[in-house]
Amino acid sequence: MSFAATVLTLYPEMFPGPLGLSLAGRAMGDGKWSLETIQIRDFATDKHRSVDDTPAGGGAGMVMRADVLASALDSVADDRPILAMSPRGAPLSQARVRELANGPGVTIICGRFEGIDERLFEARPIELVSIGDFILSGGEIGALIVLDACVRLLPGVMGAPSSGDEESFESGLLEYPHYTRPVEWEGRTIPEVLRSGDHAKIAAWRKAQAEIDTRSRRPDLWERHGGVRVQPPSGARHEKED
């Protein structure tokens, strides 16, 4: 059974976008996954096809209506996980991507405006997902990211089954640095160990480099991996993270 994706959006013309190219595009053409878009406005009940209204309690912007979105969502009617792209959601992780890729597919709601009426999340089993601590104009770009991350893990999409085994986040660490020909470029050479042919030494070097990079670039990952907390330089500004 192939991986099936359904995206609820006000801008279906944004899909498949980049997902129609490269690995994802070839995989779609080969039937390894499918993509359907649903225009949310098709489920509006007034002549203006309204999908939003003013926020209760006042404030700027507009809020997407729960009744319209629920009607659009209920038209899908299957057991796939339902995601809603939202900065209020849990950060997307490689572990969660792998879980989704191993399943039958996903339904993704792309919000717009100030957000979605909270009652939709109370009434339907929806998982809120964030792709980072920043704000986009809508959920479509986030949905593209989620789908790309999933599709590349589907069997046969990347070629060799082991292609993704040593990538960043798979083991809780960032990936080690890569090199290729020419051996020397602008006075910089490929590390000698990578040219040694000694697979045990190469594996040890890569593991050490992954740990060094994670410790210096992502101390939060390093701490979760079980390493010693890396203290910021003296005088560095501390910010609270939610």
C-alpha atoms as a PDB file:
ATOM      1  CA  MET A   1       0.000   0.000   0.000  1.00  0.00           C
ATOM      2  CA  SER A   2       1.444   3.364  -0.993  1.00  0.00           C
ATOM      3  CA  PHE A   3       1.740   6.405   1.249  1.00  0.00           C
ATOM      4  CA  ALA A   4      -1.300   8.657   0.711  1.00  0.00           C
ATOM      5  CA  ALA A   5      -1.277  12.359   1.561  1.00  0.00           C
ATOM      6  CA  THR A   6      -4.250  14.717   1.651  1.00  0.00           C
ATOM      7  CA  VAL A   7      -3.758  18.441   2.179  1.00  0.00           C
ATOM      8  CA  LEU A   8      -6.578  20.800   3.200  1.00  0.00           C
ATOM      9  CA  THR A   9      -5.671  24.269   1.969  1.00  0.00           C
ATOM     10  CA  LEU A  10      -6.953  27.552   0.594  1.00  0.00           C
ATOM     11  CA  TYR A  11      -4.222  27.368  -2.046  1.00  0.00           C
ATOM     12  CA  PRO A  12      -4.261  23.920  -3.680  1.00  0.00           C
ATOM     13  CA  GLU A  13      -2.246  25.328  -6.587  1.00  0.00           C
ATOM     14  CA  MET A  14       0.790  25.360  -4.290  1.00  0.00           C
ATOM     15  CA  PHE A  15       0.890  21.544  -4.562  1.00  0.00           C
ATOM     16  CA  PRO A  16       2.694  19.422  -5.508  1.00  0.00           C
ATOM     17  CA  GLY A  17       5.163  22.298  -6.065  1.00  0.00           C
ATOM     18  CA  PRO A  18       8.683  21.029  -5.324  1.00  0.00           C
ATOM     19  CA  LEU A  19       7.223  17.640  -4.399  1.00  0.00           C
ATOM     20  CA  GLY A  20       6.606  17.070  -8.094  1.00  0.00           C
ATOM     21  CA  LEU A  21      10.350  17.149  -8.772  1.00  0.00           C
ATOM     22  CA  SER A  22      13.473  15.159  -7.887  1.00  0.00           C
ATOM     23  CA  LEU A  23      13.108  12.141  -5.563  1.00  0.00           C
ATOM     24  CA  ALA A  24       9.564  12.927  -4.447  1.00  0.00           C
ATOM     25  CA  GLY A  25       8.378  13.574  -7.993  1.00  0.00           C
ATOM     26  CA  ARG A  26       9.844  10.338  -9.301  1.00  0.00           C
ATOM     27  CA  ALA A  27       8.387   8.421  -6.374  1.00  0.00           C
ATOM     28  CA  MET A  28       4.963   9.902  -7.093  1.00  0.00           C
ATOM     29  CA  GLY A  29       5.267   8.940 -10.734  1.00  0.00           C
ATOM     30  CA  ASP A  30       6.217   5.407  -9.684  1.00  0.00           C
ATOM     31  CA  GLY A  31       3.151   5.125  -7.466  1.00  0.00           C
ATOM     32  CA  LYS A  32       5.079   5.014  -4.187  1.00  0.00           C
ATOM     33  CA  TRP A  33       2.941   7.832  -2.825  1.00  0.00           C
ATOM     34  CA  SER A  34      -0.029   9.960  -3.815  1.00  0.00           C
ATOM     35  CA  LEU A  35      -1.130  13.511  -3.106  1.00  0.00           C
ATOM     36  CA  GLU A  36      -4.655  14.933  -3.003  1.00  0.00           C
ATOM     37  CA  THR A  37      -5.595  18.532  -2.222  1.00  0.00           C
ATOM     38  CA  ILE A  38      -8.914  19.723  -0.847  1.00  0.00           C
ATOM     39  CA  GLN A  39     -10.025  23.328  -1.285  1.00  0.00           C
ATOM     40  CA  ILE A  40     -11.367  24.407   2.099  1.00  0.00           C
ATOM     41  CA  ARG A  41     -13.596  27.067   0.526  1.00  0.00           C
ATOM     42  CA  ASP A  42     -15.618  24.335  -1.144  1.00  0.00           C
ATOM     43  CA  PHE A  43     -17.118  23.618   2.283  1.00  0.00           C
ATOM     44  CA  ALA A  44     -18.204  27.157   3.081  1.00  0.00           C
ATOM     45  CA  THR A  45     -21.952  27.626   3.470  1.00  0.00           C
ATOM     46  CA  ASP A  46     -22.505  31.202   2.309  1.00  0.00           C
ATOM     47  CA  LYS A  47     -22.436  32.814  -1.115  1.00  0.00           C
ATOM     48  CA  HIS A  48     -19.119  34.508  -0.364  1.00  0.00           C
ATOM     49  CA  ARG A  49     -17.485  31.140   0.440  1.00  0.00           C
ATOM     50  CA  SER A  50     -16.303  32.500   3.786  1.00  0.00           C
ATOM     51  CA  VAL A  51     -13.839  30.379   5.754  1.00  0.00           C
ATOM     52  CA  ASP A  52     -12.947  32.887   8.496  1.00  0.00           C
ATOM     53  CA  ASP A  53     -14.476  35.426  10.861  1.00  0.00           C
ATOM     54  CA  THR A  54     -13.402  38.036  13.410  1.00  0.00           C
ATOM     55  CA  PRO A  55     -11.731  36.763  16.599  1.00  0.00           C
ATOM     56  CA  ALA A  56     -13.939  36.356  19.659  1.00  0.00           C
ATOM     57  CA  GLY A  57     -12.873  38.876  22.292  1.00  0.00           C
ATOM     58  CA  GLY A  58     -11.568  41.294  19.689  1.00  0.00           C
ATOM     59  CA  GLY A  59      -8.126  41.733  18.215  1.00  0.00           C
ATOM     60  CA  ALA A  60      -6.452  41.958  14.852  1.00  0.00           C
ATOM     61  CA  GLY A  61      -6.872  39.610  11.930  1.00  0.00           C
ATOM     62  CA  MET A  62      -9.305  36.807  11.239  1.00  0.00           C
ATOM     63  CA  VAL A  63      -9.735  33.244  12.537  1.00  0.00           C
ATOM     64  CA  MET A  64     -10.504  30.171  10.444  1.00  0.00           C
ATOM     65  CA  ARG A  65     -13.916  28.719  11.272  1.00  0.00           C
ATOM     66  CA  ALA A  66     -14.184  25.339  12.998  1.00  0.00           C
ATOM     67  CA  ASP A  67     -17.419  24.376  11.236  1.00  0.00           C
ATOM     68  CA  VAL A  68     -16.030  24.879   7.735  1.00  0.00           C
ATOM     69  CA  LEU A  69     -12.768  23.112   8.496  1.00  0.00           C
ATOM     70  CA  ALA A  70     -14.570  20.222  10.196  1.00  0.00           C
ATOM     71  CA  SER A  71     -16.737  19.688   7.120  1.00  0.00           C
ATOM     72  CA  ALA A  72     -13.647  19.642   4.911  1.00  0.00           C
ATOM     73  CA  LEU A  73     -11.837  17.280   7.266  1.00  0.00           C
ATOM     74  CA  ASP A  74     -14.791  14.922   7.637  1.00  0.00           C
ATOM     75  CA  SER A  75     -14.913  14.539   3.853  1.00  0.00           C
ATOM     76  CA  VAL A  76     -11.594  12.679   4.048  1.00  0.00           C
ATOM     77  CA  ALA A  77     -12.997  10.110   6.493  1.00  0.00           C
ATOM     78  CA  ASP A  78     -10.167   7.630   6.997  1.00  0.00           C
ATOM     79  CA  ASP A  79      -7.816   6.525   9.751  1.00  0.00           C
ATOM     80  CA  ARG A  80      -4.680   8.367   8.695  1.00  0.00           C
ATOM     81  CA  PRO A  81      -3.036  10.689  11.258  1.00  0.00           C
ATOM     82  CA  ILE A  82      -4.318  14.253  11.015  1.00  0.00           C
ATOM     83  CA  LEU A  83      -1.788  17.057  11.395  1.00  0.00           C
ATOM     84  CA  ALA A  84      -2.349  20.797  11.576  1.00  0.00           C
ATOM     85  CA  MET A  85       0.621  23.039  10.867  1.00  0.00           C
ATOM     86  CA  SER A  86       0.877  25.521  13.737  1.00  0.00           C
ATOM     87  CA  PRO A  87       3.610  27.390  15.647  1.00  0.00           C
ATOM     88  CA  ARG A  88       1.734  26.226  18.756  1.00  0.00           C
ATOM     89  CA  GLY A  89       2.447  22.599  17.879  1.00  0.00           C
ATOM     90  CA  ALA A  90       5.140  20.197  18.999  1.00  0.00           C
ATOM     91  CA  PRO A  91       8.405  20.572  17.055  1.00  0.00           C
ATOM     92  CA  LEU A  92       8.628  18.088  14.196  1.00  0.00           C
ATOM     93  CA  SER A  93      11.310  15.468  14.824  1.00  0.00           C
ATOM     94  CA  GLN A  94      12.988  12.904  12.644  1.00  0.00           C
ATOM     95  CA  ALA A  95      11.564  10.200  14.900  1.00  0.00           C
ATOM     96  CA  ARG A  96       8.025  11.431  14.266  1.00  0.00           C
ATOM     97  CA  VAL A  97       8.710  11.702  10.534  1.00  0.00           C
ATOM     98  CA  ARG A  98       9.844   8.089  10.481  1.00  0.00           C
ATOM     99  CA  GLU A  99       6.687   7.006  12.322  1.00  0.00           C
ATOM    100  CA  LEU A 100       4.528   8.807   9.773  1.00  0.00           C
ATOM    101  CA  ALA A 101       6.512   7.397   6.837  1.00  0.00           C
ATOM    102  CA  ASN A 102       5.965   3.884   8.175  1.00  0.00           C
ATOM    103  CA  GLY A 103       2.202   4.400   8.218  1.00  0.00           C
ATOM    104  CA  PRO A 104      -0.517   4.630   5.566  1.00  0.00           C
ATOM    105  CA  GLY A 105      -0.081   8.359   5.015  1.00  0.00           C
ATOM    106  CA  VAL A 106      -1.224  11.627   6.530  1.00  0.00           C
ATOM    107  CA  THR A 107      -3.859  14.349   6.302  1.00  0.00           C
ATOM    108  CA  ILE A 108      -2.535  17.879   6.813  1.00  0.00           C
ATOM    109  CA  ILE A 109      -4.540  21.021   7.581  1.00  0.00           C
ATOM    110  CA  CYS A 110      -2.914  24.256   6.418  1.00  0.00           C
ATOM    111  CA  GLY A 111      -4.008  27.174   8.550  1.00  0.00           C
ATOM    112  CA  ARG A 112      -4.050  30.817   7.499  1.00  0.00           C
ATOM    113  CA  PHE A 113      -4.812  34.224   9.060  1.00  0.00           C
ATOM    114  CA  GLU A 114      -4.447  34.426  12.856  1.00  0.00           C
ATOM    115  CA  GLY A 115      -5.105  30.730  13.337  1.00  0.00           C
ATOM    116  CA  ILE A 116      -7.863  28.152  13.666  1.00  0.00           C
ATOM    117  CA  ASP A 117     -10.811  28.112  16.054  1.00  0.00           C
ATOM    118  CA  GLU A 118      -9.602  26.049  19.019  1.00  0.00           C
ATOM    119  CA  ARG A 119     -12.809  24.041  19.103  1.00  0.00           C
ATOM    120  CA  LEU A 120     -11.723  22.142  16.013  1.00  0.00           C
ATOM    121  CA  PHE A 121      -8.830  20.656  17.983  1.00  0.00           C
ATOM    122  CA  GLU A 122     -11.151  19.779  20.844  1.00  0.00           C
ATOM    123  CA  ALA A 123     -13.607  18.019  18.536  1.00  0.00           C
ATOM    124  CA  ARG A 124     -11.259  16.106  16.216  1.00  0.00           C
ATOM    125  CA  PRO A 125      -8.095  14.012  16.843  1.00  0.00           C
ATOM    126  CA  ILE A 126      -5.637  16.515  15.389  1.00  0.00           C
ATOM    127  CA  GLU A 127      -1.908  16.677  16.123  1.00  0.00           C
ATOM    128  CA  LEU A 128      -0.471  20.206  16.039  1.00  0.00           C
ATOM    129  CA  VAL A 129       2.969  20.289  14.446  1.00  0.00           C
ATOM    130  CA  SER A 130       5.538  23.081  14.227  1.00  0.00           C
ATOM    131  CA  ILE A 131       8.537  23.197  11.878  1.00  0.00           C
ATOM    132  CA  GLY A 132      10.324  25.847  13.944  1.00  0.00           C
ATOM    133  CA  ASP A 133      10.083  28.893  16.163  1.00  0.00           C
ATOM    134  CA  PHE A 134       9.096  31.336  13.451  1.00  0.00           C
ATOM    135  CA  ILE A 135       5.922  32.442  11.683  1.00  0.00           C
ATOM    136  CA  LEU A 136       4.972  31.802   8.058  1.00  0.00           C
ATOM    137  CA  SER A 137       2.075  33.195   6.042  1.00  0.00           C
ATOM    138  CA  GLY A 138       0.298  29.846   6.156  1.00  0.00           C
ATOM    139  CA  GLY A 139       0.731  26.145   6.702  1.00  0.00           C
ATOM    140  CA  GLU A 140       1.397  25.167   3.090  1.00  0.00           C
ATOM    141  CA  ILE A 141       5.182  25.483   3.183  1.00  0.00           C
ATOM    142  CA  GLY A 142       5.253  23.532   6.431  1.00  0.00           C
ATOM    143  CA  ALA A 143       3.108  20.818   4.847  1.00  0.00           C
ATOM    144  CA  LEU A 144       5.540  20.576   1.931  1.00  0.00           C
ATOM    145  CA  ILE A 145       8.375  20.112   4.417  1.00  0.00           C
ATOM    146  CA  VAL A 146       6.538  17.384   6.344  1.00  0.00           C
ATOM    147  CA  LEU A 147       5.702  15.490   3.162  1.00  0.00           C
ATOM    148  CA  ASP A 148       9.199  15.783   1.715  1.00  0.00           C
ATOM    149  CA  ALA A 149      10.684  14.464   4.965  1.00  0.00           C
ATOM    150  CA  CYS A 150       8.287  11.496   4.916  1.00  0.00           C
ATOM    151  CA  VAL A 151       8.458  10.621   1.229  1.00  0.00           C
ATOM    152  CA  ARG A 152      12.240  10.362   1.109  1.00  0.00           C
ATOM    153  CA  LEU A 153      12.047   7.617   3.758  1.00  0.00           C
ATOM    154  CA  LEU A 154       9.624   5.457   1.806  1.00  0.00           C
ATOM    155  CA  PRO A 155      11.093   2.161   0.558  1.00  0.00           C
ATOM    156  CA  GLY A 156      12.933   2.562  -2.712  1.00  0.00           C
ATOM    157  CA  VAL A 157      12.795   6.362  -2.849  1.00  0.00           C
ATOM    158  CA  MET A 158      16.427   7.010  -1.872  1.00  0.00           C
ATOM    159  CA  GLY A 159      17.828   3.903  -3.507  1.00  0.00           C
ATOM    160  CA  ALA A 160      19.897   1.967  -0.975  1.00  0.00           C
ATOM    161  CA  PRO A 161      17.858   1.179   2.177  1.00  0.00           C
ATOM    162  CA  SER A 162      20.763   2.406   4.333  1.00  0.00           C
ATOM    163  CA  SER A 163      20.967   5.828   2.667  1.00  0.00           C
ATOM    164  CA  GLY A 164      19.322   7.642   5.576  1.00  0.00           C
ATOM    165  CA  ASP A 165      20.733   5.646   8.467  1.00  0.00           C
ATOM    166  CA  GLU A 166      23.592   8.032   9.357  1.00  0.00           C
ATOM    167  CA  GLU A 167      21.909  11.362   8.625  1.00  0.00           C
ATOM    168  CA  SER A 168      21.491  14.143  11.155  1.00  0.00           C
ATOM    169  CA  PHE A 169      19.057  13.343  13.996  1.00  0.00           C
ATOM    170  CA  GLU A 170      18.765   9.619  13.188  1.00  0.00           C
ATOM    171  CA  SER A 171      21.079   8.758  16.092  1.00  0.00           C
ATOM    172  CA  GLY A 172      20.379  11.883  18.124  1.00  0.00           C
ATOM    173  CA  LEU A 173      23.467  13.619  16.704  1.00  0.00           C
ATOM    174  CA  LEU A 174      24.196  15.883  13.770  1.00  0.00           C
ATOM    175  CA  GLU A 175      25.711  14.126  10.786  1.00  0.00           C
ATOM    176  CA  TYR A 176      29.488  14.076  10.304  1.00  0.00           C
ATOM    177  CA  PRO A 177      31.041  16.336   7.603  1.00  0.00           C
ATOM    178  CA  HIS A 178      31.359  15.083   4.034  1.00  0.00           C
ATOM    179  CA  TYR A 179      34.118  15.382   1.411  1.00  0.00           C
ATOM    180  CA  THR A 180      34.587  14.384  -2.222  1.00  0.00           C
ATOM    181  CA  ARG A 181      37.008  14.971  -5.116  1.00  0.00           C
ATOM    182  CA  PRO A 182      39.216  16.834  -5.789  1.00  0.00           C
ATOM    183  CA  VAL A 183      41.494  15.708  -2.958  1.00  0.00           C
ATOM    184  CA  GLU A 184      42.899  19.237  -2.676  1.00  0.00           C
ATOM    185  CA  TRP A 185      40.911  22.428  -3.182  1.00  0.00           C
ATOM    186  CA  GLU A 186      42.101  25.953  -2.418  1.00  0.00           C
ATOM    187  CA  GLY A 187      44.856  24.545  -0.235  1.00  0.00           C
ATOM    188  CA  ARG A 188      42.478  22.351   1.751  1.00  0.00           C
ATOM    189  CA  THR A 189      42.734  18.572   1.578  1.00  0.00           C
ATOM    190  CA  ILE A 190      40.360  15.737   2.409  1.00  0.00           C
ATOM    191  CA  PRO A 191      41.255  14.392   5.881  1.00  0.00           C
ATOM    192  CA  GLU A 192      43.818  11.636   5.540  1.00  0.00           C
ATOM    193  CA  VAL A 193      41.767   9.114   7.514  1.00  0.00           C
ATOM    194  CA  LEU A 194      39.036   9.240   4.843  1.00  0.00           C
ATOM    195  CA  ARG A 195      41.620   8.258   2.229  1.00  0.00           C
ATOM    196  CA  SER A 196      43.124   5.464   4.328  1.00  0.00           C
ATOM    197  CA  GLY A 197      40.736   2.682   3.330  1.00  0.00           C
ATOM    198  CA  ASP A 198      40.575   1.636   7.007  1.00  0.00           C
ATOM    199  CA  HIS A 199      36.820   1.337   7.580  1.00  0.00           C
ATOM    200  CA  ALA A 200      37.107   1.020  11.360  1.00  0.00           C
ATOM    201  CA  LYS A 201      39.166   4.208  11.619  1.00  0.00           C
ATOM    202  CA  ILE A 202      36.812   6.015   9.231  1.00  0.00           C
ATOM    203  CA  ALA A 203      33.783   4.994  11.317  1.00  0.00           C
ATOM    204  CA  ALA A 204      35.488   6.156  14.525  1.00  0.00           C
ATOM    205  CA  TRP A 205      36.466   9.483  12.918  1.00  0.00           C
ATOM    206  CA  ARG A 206      32.929  10.083  11.678  1.00  0.00           C
ATOM    207  CA  LYS A 207      31.436   9.315  15.077  1.00  0.00           C
ATOM    208  CA  ALA A 208      33.889  11.674  16.768  1.00  0.00           C
ATOM    209  CA  GLN A 209      33.171  14.449  14.275  1.00  0.00           C
ATOM    210  CA  ALA A 210      29.416  14.006  14.722  1.00  0.00           C
ATOM    211  CA  GLU A 211      29.860  14.384  18.477  1.00  0.00           C
ATOM    212  CA  ILE A 212      32.103  17.442  18.119  1.00  0.00           C
ATOM    213  CA  ASP A 213      29.694  19.182  15.734  1.00  0.00           C
ATOM    214  CA  THR A 214      26.658  18.371  17.868  1.00  0.00           C
ATOM    215  CA  ARG A 215      28.372  19.545  21.049  1.00  0.00           C
ATOM    216  CA  SER A 216      29.429  22.867  19.503  1.00  0.00           C
ATOM    217  CA  ARG A 217      26.481  23.643  17.197  1.00  0.00           C
ATOM    218  CA  ARG A 218      23.503  22.073  18.957  1.00  0.00           C
ATOM    219  CA  PRO A 219      24.173  21.816  22.714  1.00  0.00           C
ATOM    220  CA  ASP A 220      20.470  21.077  23.215  1.00  0.00           C
ATOM    221  CA  LEU A 221      20.783  17.909  21.110  1.00  0.00           C
ATOM    222  CA  TRP A 222      24.038  16.997  22.808  1.00  0.00           C
ATOM    223  CA  GLU A 223      22.447  17.219  26.241  1.00  0.00           C
ATOM    224  CA  ARG A 224      19.485  15.061  25.162  1.00  0.00           C
ATOM    225  CA  HIS A 225      21.951  12.572  23.684  1.00  0.00           C
ATOM    226  CA  GLY A 226      23.471  12.158  27.131  1.00  0.00           C
ATOM    227  CA  GLY A 227      26.446  14.466  26.809  1.00  0.00           C
ATOM    228  CA  VAL A 228      27.589  17.055  29.295  1.00  0.00           C
ATOM    229  CA  ARG A 229      25.731  20.359  29.104  1.00  0.00           C
ATOM    230  CA  VAL A 230      27.743  22.843  27.056  1.00  0.00           C
ATOM    231  CA  GLN A 231      27.907  26.223  28.779  1.00  0.00           C
ATOM    232  CA  PRO A 232      27.613  29.321  26.591  1.00  0.00           C
ATOM    233  CA  PRO A 233      30.642  31.634  26.468  1.00  0.00           C
ATOM    234  CA  SER A 234      31.034  34.076  29.340  1.00  0.00           C
ATOM    235  CA  GLY A 235      28.812  37.076  28.834  1.00  0.00           C
ATOM    236  CA  ALA A 236      26.522  35.294  26.349  1.00  0.00           C
ATOM    237  CA  ARG A 237      22.892  36.327  26.454  1.00  0.00           C
ATOM    238  CA  HIS A 238      20.515  33.767  27.942  1.00  0.00           C
ATOM    239  CA  GLU A 239      17.029  33.477  26.520  1.00  0.00           C
ATOM    240  CA  LYS A 240      14.170  31.396  27.842  1.00  0.00           C
ATOM    241  CA  GLU A 241      13.000  28.729  25.399  1.00  0.00           C
ATOM    242  CA  ASP A 242       9.426  27.452  25.491  1.00  0.00           C
END
